[in-house]
């Protein structure tokens, strides 16, 4: 084992252990503690709530909203079908990467963050106003609700 290429993390769902920092030494060198490690593209946190991962995923997907909006111009832009394909290819894949491994652990507030990100994309795809009901937007864009999609993905 190589101390310079290793890191220590700690996971627990018990809140009394929130401040626990394990210390492990290899050849009298302390292995650095990483509170939120990334493993195979998924960001973990100490209590397995995956809030850091949801923030990272939504930040990445929200960055693609500008791309979606720029090609979705109402005068010369792409149609809804192609905008939907772009959403599924560039945003939804980021939001669903390794989903069955971390989505079952999400809190309602984290799920709401993912839903809001999808709703922003669906508004761009359809070109509708903010006052348009989300269910109508999803129906027009042929996109299921993110909660339903997530439950299907987990199953």
N, C-alpha and C. Protein backbone atom coordinates (compact mmCIF):
# COMPACT_ATOMS: atom_id res chain seq x y z
N UNK A 1 0.84 -1.18 0.00
CA UNK A 1 0.00 0.00 0.00
C UNK A 1 0.88 1.24 0.00
N UNK A 2 0.43 2.26 -0.69
CA UNK A 2 1.18 3.50 -0.82
C UNK A 2 0.38 4.63 -0.17
N UNK A 3 0.92 5.25 0.84
CA UNK A 3 0.22 6.31 1.57
C UNK A 3 -0.05 7.53 0.71
N UNK A 4 0.83 7.82 -0.22
CA UNK A 4 0.64 9.02 -1.05
C UNK A 4 -0.46 8.84 -2.10
N UNK A 5 -0.82 7.59 -2.39
CA UNK A 5 -1.87 7.33 -3.37
C UNK A 5 -3.16 6.86 -2.73
N UNK A 6 -3.27 6.99 -1.42
CA UNK A 6 -4.44 6.50 -0.70
C UNK A 6 -5.14 7.65 0.00
N UNK A 7 -6.38 7.41 0.38
CA UNK A 7 -7.13 8.36 1.19
C UNK A 7 -8.08 7.58 2.08
N UNK A 8 -8.45 8.18 3.19
CA UNK A 8 -9.34 7.56 4.16
C UNK A 8 -10.67 8.29 4.14
N UNK A 9 -11.74 7.52 4.20
CA UNK A 9 -13.07 8.08 4.30
C UNK A 9 -13.85 7.31 5.35
N UNK A 10 -14.93 7.91 5.82
CA UNK A 10 -15.74 7.28 6.84
C UNK A 10 -17.20 7.50 6.51
N UNK A 11 -18.01 6.44 6.56
CA UNK A 11 -19.43 6.53 6.25
C UNK A 11 -20.24 5.96 7.40
N UNK A 12 -21.28 6.68 7.79
CA UNK A 12 -22.18 6.22 8.83
C UNK A 12 -23.49 6.98 8.73
N UNK A 13 -24.59 6.33 9.02
CA UNK A 13 -25.88 7.01 9.03
C UNK A 13 -26.26 7.47 10.43
N UNK A 14 -25.38 7.23 11.41
CA UNK A 14 -25.63 7.65 12.78
C UNK A 14 -25.07 9.06 12.95
N UNK A 15 -25.90 10.02 13.31
CA UNK A 15 -25.50 11.43 13.37
C UNK A 15 -24.47 11.70 14.47
N UNK A 16 -24.38 10.87 15.49
CA UNK A 16 -23.39 11.08 16.56
C UNK A 16 -21.96 10.87 16.07
N UNK A 17 -21.81 10.25 14.93
CA UNK A 17 -20.48 10.01 14.38
C UNK A 17 -20.11 11.01 13.29
N UNK A 18 -20.84 12.10 13.20
CA UNK A 18 -20.65 13.08 12.12
C UNK A 18 -19.25 13.69 12.12
N UNK A 19 -18.67 13.88 13.28
CA UNK A 19 -17.37 14.54 13.37
C UNK A 19 -16.20 13.58 13.53
N UNK A 20 -16.45 12.29 13.39
CA UNK A 20 -15.39 11.31 13.54
C UNK A 20 -14.45 11.38 12.35
N UNK A 21 -13.16 11.43 12.64
CA UNK A 21 -12.14 11.45 11.59
C UNK A 21 -11.16 10.32 11.87
N UNK A 22 -11.21 9.25 11.07
CA UNK A 22 -10.27 8.15 11.31
C UNK A 22 -8.85 8.55 10.91
N UNK A 23 -7.90 7.99 11.62
CA UNK A 23 -6.50 8.24 11.26
C UNK A 23 -5.81 6.89 11.05
N UNK A 24 -5.25 6.74 9.89
CA UNK A 24 -4.56 5.51 9.52
C UNK A 24 -3.19 5.89 9.00
N UNK A 25 -2.19 5.16 9.43
CA UNK A 25 -0.81 5.41 9.01
C UNK A 25 -0.27 4.21 8.24
N UNK A 26 0.50 4.50 7.21
CA UNK A 26 1.23 3.48 6.47
C UNK A 26 2.69 3.93 6.45
N UNK A 27 3.57 3.10 6.99
CA UNK A 27 4.99 3.44 7.10
C UNK A 27 5.19 4.79 7.79
N UNK A 28 4.48 5.00 8.87
CA UNK A 28 4.54 6.23 9.67
C UNK A 28 4.14 7.48 8.89
N UNK A 29 3.40 7.32 7.82
CA UNK A 29 2.86 8.45 7.06
C UNK A 29 1.34 8.41 7.19
N UNK A 30 0.78 9.54 7.58
CA UNK A 30 -0.67 9.61 7.74
C UNK A 30 -1.36 9.66 6.38
N UNK A 31 -2.37 8.84 6.24
CA UNK A 31 -3.16 8.87 5.02
C UNK A 31 -4.17 10.01 5.15
N UNK A 32 -4.27 10.88 4.15
CA UNK A 32 -5.16 12.03 4.26
C UNK A 32 -6.63 11.60 4.31
N UNK A 33 -7.40 12.33 5.13
CA UNK A 33 -8.83 12.09 5.27
C UNK A 33 -9.58 12.90 4.23
N UNK A 34 -10.48 12.26 3.52
CA UNK A 34 -11.29 12.94 2.51
C UNK A 34 -12.75 12.79 2.92
N UNK A 35 -13.39 13.91 3.23
CA UNK A 35 -14.77 13.88 3.72
C UNK A 35 -15.76 13.47 2.64
N UNK A 36 -15.50 13.86 1.40
CA UNK A 36 -16.43 13.58 0.31
C UNK A 36 -15.67 12.98 -0.88
N UNK A 37 -15.33 11.69 -0.83
CA UNK A 37 -14.55 11.08 -1.91
C UNK A 37 -15.40 10.81 -3.15
N UNK A 38 -14.74 10.71 -4.27
CA UNK A 38 -15.40 10.37 -5.52
C UNK A 38 -14.90 9.00 -5.95
N UNK A 39 -15.82 8.09 -6.18
CA UNK A 39 -15.47 6.73 -6.56
C UNK A 39 -16.32 6.34 -7.77
N UNK A 40 -15.67 6.03 -8.87
CA UNK A 40 -16.34 5.64 -10.11
C UNK A 40 -17.38 6.66 -10.55
N UNK A 41 -17.06 7.94 -10.39
CA UNK A 41 -17.93 9.01 -10.86
C UNK A 41 -19.02 9.42 -9.90
N UNK A 42 -19.12 8.81 -8.73
CA UNK A 42 -20.15 9.14 -7.75
C UNK A 42 -19.48 9.76 -6.53
N UNK A 43 -19.97 10.94 -6.12
CA UNK A 43 -19.43 11.64 -4.95
C UNK A 43 -20.19 11.15 -3.71
N UNK A 44 -19.45 10.60 -2.76
CA UNK A 44 -20.03 10.11 -1.51
C UNK A 44 -19.86 11.16 -0.42
N UNK A 45 -20.72 11.12 0.59
CA UNK A 45 -20.53 11.94 1.78
C UNK A 45 -20.67 11.05 3.01
N UNK A 46 -20.27 11.56 4.15
CA UNK A 46 -20.13 10.73 5.34
C UNK A 46 -21.42 10.02 5.74
N UNK A 47 -22.59 10.65 5.52
CA UNK A 47 -23.85 10.04 5.96
C UNK A 47 -24.63 9.38 4.83
N UNK A 48 -24.01 9.20 3.69
CA UNK A 48 -24.60 8.55 2.53
C UNK A 48 -25.91 9.21 2.10
N UNK A 49 -25.96 10.55 2.20
CA UNK A 49 -27.14 11.28 1.72
C UNK A 49 -26.97 11.69 0.26
N UNK A 50 -25.75 11.67 -0.23
CA UNK A 50 -25.40 11.98 -1.62
C UNK A 50 -25.78 13.41 -2.02
N UNK A 51 -25.86 14.31 -1.06
CA UNK A 51 -26.18 15.71 -1.39
C UNK A 51 -25.05 16.35 -2.19
N UNK A 52 -23.81 16.01 -1.88
CA UNK A 52 -22.68 16.55 -2.65
C UNK A 52 -22.74 16.07 -4.10
N UNK A 53 -23.13 14.83 -4.30
CA UNK A 53 -23.24 14.30 -5.66
C UNK A 53 -24.39 14.97 -6.41
N UNK A 54 -25.52 15.17 -5.74
CA UNK A 54 -26.66 15.83 -6.39
C UNK A 54 -26.29 17.25 -6.78
N UNK A 55 -25.58 17.96 -5.90
CA UNK A 55 -25.14 19.32 -6.23
C UNK A 55 -24.21 19.32 -7.44
N UNK A 56 -23.29 18.38 -7.48
CA UNK A 56 -22.34 18.30 -8.59
C UNK A 56 -23.05 17.95 -9.90
N UNK A 57 -23.99 17.02 -9.83
CA UNK A 57 -24.72 16.59 -11.02
C UNK A 57 -25.62 17.72 -11.53
N UNK A 58 -26.32 18.39 -10.64
CA UNK A 58 -27.20 19.47 -11.09
C UNK A 58 -26.40 20.65 -11.62
N UNK A 59 -25.25 20.92 -11.02
CA UNK A 59 -24.39 21.99 -11.53
C UNK A 59 -23.93 21.68 -12.96
N UNK A 60 -23.56 20.44 -13.19
CA UNK A 60 -23.12 20.02 -14.52
C UNK A 60 -24.28 20.05 -15.51
N UNK A 61 -25.42 19.53 -15.10
CA UNK A 61 -26.59 19.51 -16.00
C UNK A 61 -27.10 20.92 -16.25
N UNK A 62 -27.09 21.78 -15.24
CA UNK A 62 -27.55 23.16 -15.41
C UNK A 62 -26.64 23.93 -16.34
N UNK A 63 -25.37 23.57 -16.38
CA UNK A 63 -24.44 24.20 -17.31
C UNK A 63 -24.81 23.91 -18.76
N UNK A 64 -25.47 22.78 -18.97
CA UNK A 64 -25.91 22.41 -20.32
C UNK A 64 -27.21 23.11 -20.71
N UNK A 65 -27.91 23.74 -19.75
CA UNK A 65 -29.15 24.44 -20.07
C UNK A 65 -28.91 25.56 -21.08
N UNK A 66 -27.79 26.25 -20.96
CA UNK A 66 -27.45 27.31 -21.90
C UNK A 66 -27.28 26.76 -23.31
N UNK A 67 -26.67 25.59 -23.41
CA UNK A 67 -26.50 24.94 -24.71
C UNK A 67 -27.87 24.60 -25.30
N UNK A 68 -28.75 24.07 -24.47
CA UNK A 68 -30.09 23.72 -24.91
C UNK A 68 -30.86 24.96 -25.35
N UNK A 69 -30.74 26.04 -24.59
CA UNK A 69 -31.46 27.27 -24.92
C UNK A 69 -30.91 27.92 -26.19
N UNK A 70 -29.62 27.82 -26.40
CA UNK A 70 -29.03 28.48 -27.57
C UNK A 70 -29.45 27.81 -28.89
N UNK A 71 -29.65 26.51 -28.89
CA UNK A 71 -30.10 25.84 -30.12
C UNK A 71 -31.62 25.75 -30.19
N UNK A 72 -32.31 26.19 -29.15
CA UNK A 72 -33.76 26.14 -29.12
C UNK A 72 -34.42 27.47 -29.41
N UNK A 73 -33.76 28.34 -30.13
CA UNK A 73 -34.32 29.64 -30.46
C UNK A 73 -35.62 29.48 -31.25
N UNK A 74 -36.63 30.28 -30.92
CA UNK A 74 -37.95 30.11 -31.54
C UNK A 74 -37.97 30.51 -33.02
N UNK A 75 -37.03 31.33 -33.49
CA UNK A 75 -37.04 31.77 -34.89
C UNK A 75 -36.29 30.81 -35.81
N UNK A 76 -35.18 30.28 -35.37
CA UNK A 76 -34.38 29.44 -36.26
C UNK A 76 -33.96 28.12 -35.62
N UNK A 77 -34.35 27.91 -34.35
CA UNK A 77 -33.81 26.77 -33.59
C UNK A 77 -34.41 25.43 -33.94
N UNK A 78 -33.93 24.43 -33.21
CA UNK A 78 -34.35 23.06 -33.41
C UNK A 78 -35.79 22.87 -32.94
N UNK A 79 -36.41 21.78 -33.39
CA UNK A 79 -37.77 21.48 -32.93
C UNK A 79 -37.72 20.74 -31.60
N UNK A 80 -38.90 20.53 -31.00
CA UNK A 80 -39.00 19.90 -29.67
C UNK A 80 -38.38 18.51 -29.63
N UNK A 81 -38.58 17.77 -30.70
CA UNK A 81 -38.06 16.41 -30.74
C UNK A 81 -36.54 16.39 -30.60
N UNK A 82 -35.87 17.23 -31.37
CA UNK A 82 -34.40 17.26 -31.32
C UNK A 82 -33.89 17.88 -30.02
N UNK A 83 -34.60 18.86 -29.49
CA UNK A 83 -34.21 19.42 -28.19
C UNK A 83 -34.35 18.37 -27.09
N UNK A 84 -35.40 17.56 -27.18
CA UNK A 84 -35.58 16.46 -26.23
C UNK A 84 -34.45 15.45 -26.31
N UNK A 85 -34.04 15.13 -27.54
CA UNK A 85 -32.92 14.20 -27.71
C UNK A 85 -31.65 14.77 -27.10
N UNK A 86 -31.45 16.07 -27.28
CA UNK A 86 -30.26 16.72 -26.70
C UNK A 86 -30.33 16.68 -25.17
N UNK A 87 -31.51 16.91 -24.61
CA UNK A 87 -31.69 16.84 -23.15
C UNK A 87 -31.33 15.44 -22.65
N UNK A 88 -31.87 14.41 -23.30
CA UNK A 88 -31.60 13.05 -22.85
C UNK A 88 -30.12 12.69 -23.00
N UNK A 89 -29.49 13.17 -24.05
CA UNK A 89 -28.09 12.82 -24.31
C UNK A 89 -27.11 13.55 -23.40
N UNK A 90 -27.35 14.84 -23.15
CA UNK A 90 -26.35 15.63 -22.43
C UNK A 90 -26.68 15.91 -20.97
N UNK A 91 -27.96 15.91 -20.62
CA UNK A 91 -28.31 16.24 -19.24
C UNK A 91 -28.78 15.02 -18.45
N UNK A 92 -29.75 14.31 -19.00
CA UNK A 92 -30.34 13.20 -18.26
C UNK A 92 -29.31 12.11 -17.99
N UNK A 93 -28.38 11.89 -18.92
CA UNK A 93 -27.36 10.87 -18.69
C UNK A 93 -26.48 11.24 -17.49
N UNK A 94 -26.19 12.53 -17.32
CA UNK A 94 -25.41 12.96 -16.15
C UNK A 94 -26.22 12.78 -14.87
N UNK A 95 -27.52 13.08 -14.94
CA UNK A 95 -28.37 12.98 -13.76
C UNK A 95 -28.62 11.53 -13.36
N UNK A 96 -28.50 10.60 -14.30
CA UNK A 96 -28.81 9.19 -14.03
C UNK A 96 -27.59 8.29 -13.90
N UNK A 97 -26.39 8.82 -14.09
CA UNK A 97 -25.21 7.97 -14.07
C UNK A 97 -25.11 7.22 -12.74
N UNK A 98 -25.08 5.92 -12.78
CA UNK A 98 -25.03 5.05 -11.60
C UNK A 98 -26.20 5.29 -10.66
N UNK A 99 -27.31 5.72 -11.20
CA UNK A 99 -28.48 6.07 -10.40
C UNK A 99 -28.95 5.02 -9.41
N UNK A 100 -29.08 3.76 -9.81
CA UNK A 100 -29.56 2.76 -8.85
C UNK A 100 -28.66 2.60 -7.63
N UNK A 101 -27.44 3.06 -7.71
CA UNK A 101 -26.52 2.96 -6.58
C UNK A 101 -26.69 4.08 -5.56
N UNK A 102 -27.15 5.26 -5.97
CA UNK A 102 -27.25 6.39 -5.04
C UNK A 102 -28.64 7.00 -4.94
N UNK A 103 -29.48 6.84 -5.94
CA UNK A 103 -30.80 7.46 -5.90
C UNK A 103 -31.73 6.93 -4.80
N UNK A 104 -31.67 5.64 -4.42
CA UNK A 104 -32.55 5.19 -3.34
C UNK A 104 -32.27 5.88 -2.00
N UNK A 105 -31.10 6.44 -1.82
CA UNK A 105 -30.71 7.06 -0.56
C UNK A 105 -31.12 8.54 -0.47
N UNK A 106 -31.62 9.11 -1.55
CA UNK A 106 -31.85 10.55 -1.59
C UNK A 106 -33.01 10.99 -0.70
N UNK A 107 -32.85 12.18 -0.14
CA UNK A 107 -33.93 12.80 0.63
C UNK A 107 -34.88 13.48 -0.35
N UNK A 108 -36.04 13.87 0.15
CA UNK A 108 -37.02 14.55 -0.70
C UNK A 108 -36.47 15.87 -1.23
N UNK A 109 -35.68 16.56 -0.42
CA UNK A 109 -35.13 17.84 -0.89
C UNK A 109 -34.11 17.64 -2.02
N UNK A 110 -33.33 16.58 -1.97
CA UNK A 110 -32.39 16.29 -3.05
C UNK A 110 -33.12 15.88 -4.32
N UNK A 111 -34.19 15.11 -4.17
CA UNK A 111 -35.00 14.72 -5.33
C UNK A 111 -35.62 15.96 -5.95
N UNK A 112 -36.06 16.90 -5.11
CA UNK A 112 -36.66 18.14 -5.61
C UNK A 112 -35.66 18.95 -6.43
N UNK A 113 -34.39 18.94 -6.04
CA UNK A 113 -33.35 19.65 -6.80
C UNK A 113 -33.22 19.05 -8.20
N UNK A 114 -33.21 17.73 -8.29
CA UNK A 114 -33.13 17.07 -9.60
C UNK A 114 -34.38 17.34 -10.44
N UNK A 115 -35.54 17.34 -9.78
CA UNK A 115 -36.79 17.63 -10.50
C UNK A 115 -36.77 19.05 -11.07
N UNK A 116 -36.30 20.02 -10.27
CA UNK A 116 -36.24 21.41 -10.75
C UNK A 116 -35.32 21.54 -11.95
N UNK A 117 -34.23 20.82 -11.93
CA UNK A 117 -33.30 20.87 -13.07
C UNK A 117 -33.97 20.33 -14.33
N UNK A 118 -34.69 19.22 -14.19
CA UNK A 118 -35.40 18.67 -15.35
C UNK A 118 -36.49 19.64 -15.80
N UNK A 119 -37.21 20.25 -14.87
CA UNK A 119 -38.29 21.16 -15.25
C UNK A 119 -37.77 22.37 -16.01
N UNK A 120 -36.58 22.85 -15.65
CA UNK A 120 -35.98 23.97 -16.40
C UNK A 120 -35.71 23.55 -17.83
N UNK A 121 -35.19 22.34 -18.00
CA UNK A 121 -34.90 21.85 -19.34
C UNK A 121 -36.17 21.67 -20.14
N UNK A 122 -37.22 21.16 -19.52
CA UNK A 122 -38.49 20.94 -20.22
C UNK A 122 -39.11 22.27 -20.64
N UNK A 123 -38.94 23.31 -19.83
CA UNK A 123 -39.44 24.64 -20.22
C UNK A 123 -38.70 25.16 -21.45
N UNK A 124 -37.41 24.90 -21.51
CA UNK A 124 -36.63 25.33 -22.69
C UNK A 124 -37.06 24.52 -23.92
N UNK A 125 -37.26 23.22 -23.74
CA UNK A 125 -37.65 22.36 -24.86
C UNK A 125 -38.99 22.81 -25.44
N UNK A 126 -39.95 23.09 -24.58
CA UNK A 126 -41.28 23.45 -25.06
C UNK A 126 -41.41 24.92 -25.40
N UNK A 127 -40.58 25.77 -24.83
CA UNK A 127 -40.66 27.20 -25.08
C UNK A 127 -41.83 27.86 -24.38
N UNK A 128 -42.35 27.23 -23.35
CA UNK A 128 -43.52 27.75 -22.64
C UNK A 128 -43.11 28.71 -21.52
N UNK A 129 -44.10 29.44 -21.02
CA UNK A 129 -43.89 30.40 -19.94
C UNK A 129 -43.70 29.71 -18.60
N UNK A 130 -43.18 30.44 -17.61
CA UNK A 130 -42.98 29.89 -16.27
C UNK A 130 -44.29 29.54 -15.59
N UNK A 131 -45.38 30.20 -16.00
CA UNK A 131 -46.67 29.94 -15.36
C UNK A 131 -47.36 28.68 -15.89
N UNK A 132 -46.83 28.07 -16.93
CA UNK A 132 -47.42 26.85 -17.49
C UNK A 132 -47.21 25.69 -16.51
N UNK A 133 -48.27 24.93 -16.23
CA UNK A 133 -48.13 23.79 -15.30
C UNK A 133 -47.09 22.79 -15.81
N UNK A 134 -46.32 22.26 -14.88
CA UNK A 134 -45.23 21.35 -15.22
C UNK A 134 -45.75 20.08 -15.88
N UNK A 135 -46.90 19.58 -15.45
CA UNK A 135 -47.46 18.36 -16.05
C UNK A 135 -47.73 18.57 -17.54
N UNK A 136 -48.23 19.74 -17.90
CA UNK A 136 -48.49 20.03 -19.31
C UNK A 136 -47.19 20.11 -20.11
N UNK A 137 -46.17 20.68 -19.50
CA UNK A 137 -44.86 20.76 -20.17
C UNK A 137 -44.30 19.37 -20.45
N UNK A 138 -44.37 18.51 -19.43
CA UNK A 138 -43.83 17.16 -19.59
C UNK A 138 -44.61 16.38 -20.65
N UNK A 139 -45.91 16.58 -20.68
CA UNK A 139 -46.73 15.90 -21.68
C UNK A 139 -46.36 16.36 -23.08
N UNK A 140 -46.19 17.66 -23.25
CA UNK A 140 -45.84 18.21 -24.56
C UNK A 140 -44.45 17.77 -25.00
N UNK A 141 -43.52 17.65 -24.06
CA UNK A 141 -42.15 17.27 -24.39
C UNK A 141 -41.93 15.76 -24.39
N UNK A 142 -42.96 15.00 -24.02
CA UNK A 142 -42.87 13.53 -23.93
C UNK A 142 -41.78 13.10 -22.96
N UNK A 143 -41.78 13.72 -21.79
CA UNK A 143 -40.80 13.42 -20.74
C UNK A 143 -41.58 13.05 -19.48
N UNK A 144 -41.25 11.91 -18.88
CA UNK A 144 -41.90 11.53 -17.63
C UNK A 144 -41.36 12.37 -16.49
N UNK A 145 -42.10 12.43 -15.39
CA UNK A 145 -41.61 13.18 -14.23
C UNK A 145 -40.32 12.52 -13.74
N UNK A 146 -39.45 13.32 -13.16
CA UNK A 146 -38.16 12.77 -12.75
C UNK A 146 -38.33 11.76 -11.61
N UNK A 147 -39.30 12.00 -10.75
CA UNK A 147 -39.55 11.04 -9.67
C UNK A 147 -39.95 9.68 -10.20
N UNK A 148 -40.84 9.66 -11.19
CA UNK A 148 -41.26 8.41 -11.80
C UNK A 148 -40.10 7.74 -12.53
N UNK A 149 -39.36 8.53 -13.27
CA UNK A 149 -38.20 7.99 -13.99
C UNK A 149 -37.18 7.39 -13.02
N UNK A 150 -36.96 8.09 -11.91
CA UNK A 150 -35.99 7.63 -10.93
C UNK A 150 -36.44 6.30 -10.31
N UNK A 151 -37.72 6.20 -9.95
CA UNK A 151 -38.23 4.94 -9.38
C UNK A 151 -38.11 3.80 -10.38
N UNK A 152 -38.39 4.05 -11.65
CA UNK A 152 -38.23 3.02 -12.69
C UNK A 152 -36.77 2.62 -12.82
N UNK A 153 -35.90 3.60 -12.78
CA UNK A 153 -34.46 3.34 -12.90
C UNK A 153 -33.96 2.48 -11.74
N UNK A 154 -34.46 2.76 -10.56
CA UNK A 154 -34.04 2.01 -9.37
C UNK A 154 -34.53 0.56 -9.46
N UNK A 155 -35.77 0.39 -9.94
CA UNK A 155 -36.31 -0.98 -10.06
C UNK A 155 -35.56 -1.76 -11.12
